[in-house]
N, C-alpha and C. Protein backbone atom coordinates (compact mmCIF):
# COMPACT_ATOMS: atom_id res chain seq x y z
N UNK A 1 4.97 32.71 -36.55
CA UNK A 1 4.94 33.03 -35.14
C UNK A 1 4.02 32.03 -34.46
N UNK A 2 4.41 31.61 -33.28
CA UNK A 2 3.63 30.65 -32.52
C UNK A 2 3.26 31.30 -31.18
N UNK A 3 2.05 31.78 -31.07
CA UNK A 3 1.61 32.55 -29.92
C UNK A 3 1.70 31.82 -28.58
N UNK A 4 1.58 30.50 -28.59
CA UNK A 4 1.54 29.78 -27.31
C UNK A 4 2.69 28.79 -27.14
N UNK A 5 3.82 29.04 -27.77
CA UNK A 5 4.96 28.14 -27.65
C UNK A 5 5.46 28.12 -26.21
N UNK A 6 5.73 26.93 -25.72
CA UNK A 6 6.24 26.76 -24.36
C UNK A 6 7.75 26.60 -24.36
N UNK A 7 8.27 26.38 -23.17
CA UNK A 7 9.71 26.21 -23.00
C UNK A 7 10.16 24.82 -23.44
N UNK A 8 9.36 23.80 -23.09
CA UNK A 8 9.69 22.43 -23.48
C UNK A 8 8.39 21.68 -23.74
N UNK A 9 8.51 20.49 -24.32
CA UNK A 9 7.32 19.70 -24.62
C UNK A 9 6.98 19.71 -26.09
N UNK A 10 5.71 19.40 -26.40
CA UNK A 10 5.27 19.23 -27.78
C UNK A 10 5.40 20.52 -28.60
N UNK A 11 4.85 21.60 -28.12
CA UNK A 11 4.87 22.89 -28.82
C UNK A 11 5.84 23.79 -28.07
N UNK A 12 7.14 23.69 -28.39
CA UNK A 12 8.13 24.37 -27.56
C UNK A 12 9.34 24.82 -28.36
N UNK A 13 10.14 25.67 -27.71
CA UNK A 13 11.43 26.07 -28.28
C UNK A 13 12.31 24.84 -28.45
N UNK A 14 12.31 23.95 -27.46
CA UNK A 14 13.15 22.77 -27.51
C UNK A 14 12.81 21.89 -28.71
N UNK A 15 11.53 21.62 -28.93
CA UNK A 15 11.13 20.73 -30.02
C UNK A 15 11.16 21.44 -31.38
N UNK A 16 10.52 22.60 -31.44
CA UNK A 16 10.36 23.27 -32.73
C UNK A 16 11.64 23.92 -33.24
N UNK A 17 12.42 24.49 -32.35
CA UNK A 17 13.62 25.22 -32.75
C UNK A 17 14.91 24.48 -32.40
N UNK A 18 14.77 23.36 -31.70
CA UNK A 18 15.92 22.57 -31.26
C UNK A 18 16.91 23.42 -30.47
N UNK A 19 16.35 24.21 -29.57
CA UNK A 19 17.17 25.08 -28.72
C UNK A 19 16.66 25.00 -27.30
N UNK A 20 17.54 24.64 -26.38
CA UNK A 20 17.19 24.50 -24.96
C UNK A 20 17.42 25.85 -24.27
N UNK A 21 16.40 26.67 -24.23
CA UNK A 21 16.51 28.02 -23.68
C UNK A 21 16.93 27.99 -22.22
N UNK A 22 16.29 27.15 -21.42
CA UNK A 22 16.60 27.12 -19.99
C UNK A 22 18.06 26.75 -19.74
N UNK A 23 18.55 25.74 -20.42
CA UNK A 23 19.96 25.34 -20.26
C UNK A 23 20.89 26.50 -20.62
N UNK A 24 20.57 27.18 -21.70
CA UNK A 24 21.38 28.31 -22.14
C UNK A 24 21.36 29.43 -21.10
N UNK A 25 20.18 29.75 -20.59
CA UNK A 25 20.09 30.80 -19.56
C UNK A 25 20.91 30.44 -18.33
N UNK A 26 20.78 29.21 -17.87
CA UNK A 26 21.50 28.78 -16.67
C UNK A 26 23.01 28.77 -16.90
N UNK A 27 23.46 28.33 -18.07
CA UNK A 27 24.89 28.33 -18.39
C UNK A 27 25.45 29.76 -18.43
N UNK A 28 24.72 30.66 -19.09
CA UNK A 28 25.18 32.05 -19.20
C UNK A 28 25.19 32.72 -17.83
N UNK A 29 24.18 32.43 -17.01
CA UNK A 29 24.13 33.00 -15.66
C UNK A 29 25.31 32.51 -14.83
N UNK A 30 25.59 31.22 -14.92
CA UNK A 30 26.70 30.65 -14.16
C UNK A 30 28.03 31.25 -14.62
N UNK A 31 28.21 31.42 -15.92
CA UNK A 31 29.47 31.94 -16.46
C UNK A 31 29.65 33.44 -16.20
N UNK A 32 28.56 34.21 -16.25
CA UNK A 32 28.67 35.67 -16.20
C UNK A 32 28.06 36.32 -14.97
N UNK A 33 27.26 35.57 -14.23
CA UNK A 33 26.58 36.16 -13.06
C UNK A 33 25.29 36.86 -13.43
N UNK A 34 25.04 36.98 -14.72
CA UNK A 34 23.79 37.60 -15.17
C UNK A 34 23.49 37.14 -16.60
N UNK A 35 22.22 37.26 -16.95
CA UNK A 35 21.79 36.88 -18.30
C UNK A 35 20.50 37.62 -18.61
N UNK A 36 20.30 37.95 -19.90
CA UNK A 36 19.07 38.59 -20.35
C UNK A 36 18.49 37.76 -21.49
N UNK A 37 17.19 37.50 -21.41
CA UNK A 37 16.47 36.87 -22.53
C UNK A 37 15.45 37.89 -22.99
N UNK A 38 15.61 38.41 -24.19
CA UNK A 38 14.68 39.36 -24.78
C UNK A 38 14.00 38.66 -25.95
N UNK A 39 12.73 38.33 -25.77
CA UNK A 39 11.97 37.58 -26.77
C UNK A 39 11.03 38.53 -27.51
N UNK A 40 11.36 38.79 -28.77
CA UNK A 40 10.52 39.64 -29.60
C UNK A 40 9.43 38.77 -30.22
N UNK A 41 8.20 39.25 -30.23
CA UNK A 41 7.04 38.49 -30.70
C UNK A 41 6.82 37.27 -29.80
N UNK A 42 6.79 37.51 -28.50
CA UNK A 42 6.69 36.43 -27.52
C UNK A 42 5.29 35.85 -27.39
N UNK A 43 4.32 36.45 -28.05
CA UNK A 43 2.95 35.93 -27.97
C UNK A 43 2.42 35.99 -26.55
N UNK A 44 1.93 34.86 -26.05
CA UNK A 44 1.39 34.78 -24.70
C UNK A 44 2.48 34.78 -23.63
N UNK A 45 3.72 34.76 -24.04
CA UNK A 45 4.88 34.74 -23.14
C UNK A 45 4.93 33.49 -22.28
N UNK A 46 4.30 32.44 -22.75
CA UNK A 46 4.23 31.19 -21.99
C UNK A 46 5.62 30.66 -21.64
N UNK A 47 6.52 30.61 -22.62
CA UNK A 47 7.87 30.10 -22.39
C UNK A 47 8.63 30.99 -21.41
N UNK A 48 8.42 32.29 -21.48
CA UNK A 48 9.11 33.20 -20.59
C UNK A 48 8.69 32.97 -19.14
N UNK A 49 7.40 32.80 -18.92
CA UNK A 49 6.93 32.55 -17.56
C UNK A 49 7.39 31.19 -17.05
N UNK A 50 7.44 30.21 -17.93
CA UNK A 50 7.94 28.90 -17.54
C UNK A 50 9.42 28.99 -17.16
N UNK A 51 10.20 29.73 -17.93
CA UNK A 51 11.62 29.90 -17.63
C UNK A 51 11.81 30.63 -16.31
N UNK A 52 11.02 31.67 -16.07
CA UNK A 52 11.13 32.41 -14.82
C UNK A 52 10.83 31.52 -13.62
N UNK A 53 9.84 30.66 -13.75
CA UNK A 53 9.50 29.72 -12.67
C UNK A 53 10.63 28.74 -12.44
N UNK A 54 11.18 28.19 -13.52
CA UNK A 54 12.29 27.23 -13.40
C UNK A 54 13.51 27.86 -12.74
N UNK A 55 13.84 29.07 -13.13
CA UNK A 55 14.99 29.78 -12.57
C UNK A 55 14.75 30.03 -11.08
N UNK A 56 13.58 30.51 -10.75
CA UNK A 56 13.24 30.78 -9.35
C UNK A 56 13.26 29.50 -8.52
N UNK A 57 12.73 28.40 -9.07
CA UNK A 57 12.73 27.12 -8.36
C UNK A 57 14.15 26.63 -8.06
N UNK A 58 15.11 27.09 -8.85
CA UNK A 58 16.51 26.71 -8.62
C UNK A 58 17.21 27.67 -7.65
N UNK A 59 16.46 28.60 -7.10
CA UNK A 59 16.99 29.52 -6.10
C UNK A 59 17.76 30.69 -6.68
N UNK A 60 17.62 30.92 -7.98
CA UNK A 60 18.30 32.06 -8.62
C UNK A 60 17.31 33.22 -8.66
N UNK A 61 17.63 34.26 -7.92
CA UNK A 61 16.70 35.38 -7.84
C UNK A 61 17.30 36.69 -8.35
N UNK A 62 18.60 36.70 -8.57
CA UNK A 62 19.27 37.90 -9.06
C UNK A 62 20.03 37.57 -10.34
N UNK A 63 20.12 38.55 -11.22
CA UNK A 63 20.95 38.40 -12.41
C UNK A 63 20.28 37.74 -13.60
N UNK A 64 18.97 37.50 -13.52
CA UNK A 64 18.24 36.94 -14.65
C UNK A 64 17.16 37.93 -15.03
N UNK A 65 17.24 38.44 -16.24
CA UNK A 65 16.28 39.43 -16.72
C UNK A 65 15.57 38.85 -17.94
N UNK A 66 14.27 38.60 -17.81
CA UNK A 66 13.48 37.99 -18.88
C UNK A 66 12.47 39.03 -19.37
N UNK A 67 12.57 39.36 -20.65
CA UNK A 67 11.76 40.43 -21.24
C UNK A 67 11.06 39.89 -22.49
N UNK A 68 9.78 40.16 -22.61
CA UNK A 68 9.03 39.78 -23.79
C UNK A 68 8.36 40.99 -24.42
N UNK A 69 8.35 41.03 -25.73
CA UNK A 69 7.70 42.13 -26.45
C UNK A 69 6.77 41.55 -27.50
N UNK A 70 5.59 42.12 -27.59
CA UNK A 70 4.62 41.70 -28.61
C UNK A 70 3.63 42.84 -28.83
N UNK A 71 2.71 42.62 -29.76
CA UNK A 71 1.72 43.65 -30.07
C UNK A 71 0.64 43.76 -29.00
N UNK A 72 0.45 42.70 -28.23
CA UNK A 72 -0.51 42.72 -27.13
C UNK A 72 0.17 42.20 -25.88
N UNK A 73 -0.29 42.65 -24.72
CA UNK A 73 0.28 42.22 -23.45
C UNK A 73 -0.35 40.90 -23.03
N UNK A 74 0.47 40.02 -22.50
CA UNK A 74 -0.01 38.73 -22.02
C UNK A 74 -0.92 38.91 -20.82
N UNK A 75 -1.84 37.98 -20.63
CA UNK A 75 -2.74 38.03 -19.48
C UNK A 75 -2.01 37.70 -18.19
N UNK A 76 -0.76 37.23 -18.27
CA UNK A 76 0.03 36.88 -17.09
C UNK A 76 0.90 38.04 -16.64
N UNK A 77 0.59 39.25 -17.04
CA UNK A 77 1.48 40.38 -16.80
C UNK A 77 1.63 40.75 -15.33
N UNK A 78 0.97 40.03 -14.43
CA UNK A 78 1.08 40.32 -13.01
C UNK A 78 2.29 39.63 -12.37
N UNK A 79 3.02 38.82 -13.11
CA UNK A 79 4.18 38.13 -12.56
C UNK A 79 5.40 39.02 -12.66
N UNK A 80 6.05 39.27 -11.53
CA UNK A 80 7.17 40.20 -11.46
C UNK A 80 8.45 39.70 -12.12
N UNK A 81 8.59 38.39 -12.31
CA UNK A 81 9.83 37.85 -12.84
C UNK A 81 10.02 38.13 -14.33
N UNK A 82 8.96 38.52 -15.02
CA UNK A 82 9.01 38.75 -16.46
C UNK A 82 8.52 40.16 -16.75
N UNK A 83 9.28 40.88 -17.56
CA UNK A 83 8.88 42.21 -18.00
C UNK A 83 8.26 42.08 -19.37
N UNK A 84 7.03 42.57 -19.51
CA UNK A 84 6.36 42.51 -20.81
C UNK A 84 6.20 43.92 -21.37
N UNK A 85 6.48 44.04 -22.64
CA UNK A 85 6.38 45.33 -23.33
C UNK A 85 5.39 45.17 -24.46
N UNK A 86 4.39 46.04 -24.48
CA UNK A 86 3.44 46.04 -25.58
C UNK A 86 3.91 47.03 -26.63
N UNK A 87 4.30 46.50 -27.77
CA UNK A 87 4.81 47.32 -28.87
C UNK A 87 3.65 47.91 -29.67
N UNK A 88 3.85 49.06 -30.21
CA UNK A 88 2.87 49.72 -31.05
C UNK A 88 3.36 49.72 -32.48
N UNK A 89 2.44 49.53 -33.41
CA UNK A 89 2.81 49.60 -34.83
C UNK A 89 2.84 51.03 -35.30
């Protein structure tokens, strides 16, 4: 698990997992009108907040649901674009 993985860059989904999350979200939203990203063990939810910002910057405000779950809640939990769930063991 990588607690601080970002959306792109050196420590990211794109580099480490070779998966372009943002491109996938935008493609699915365009094709279906809605998309959900549910990230289990999201850590600090850094990538989720970056994705929410990118989506919002593109003027997409409806139909994108970004959810992160981990054992602790991120310190960024005040951002409305991302739903964070603190799981209990």
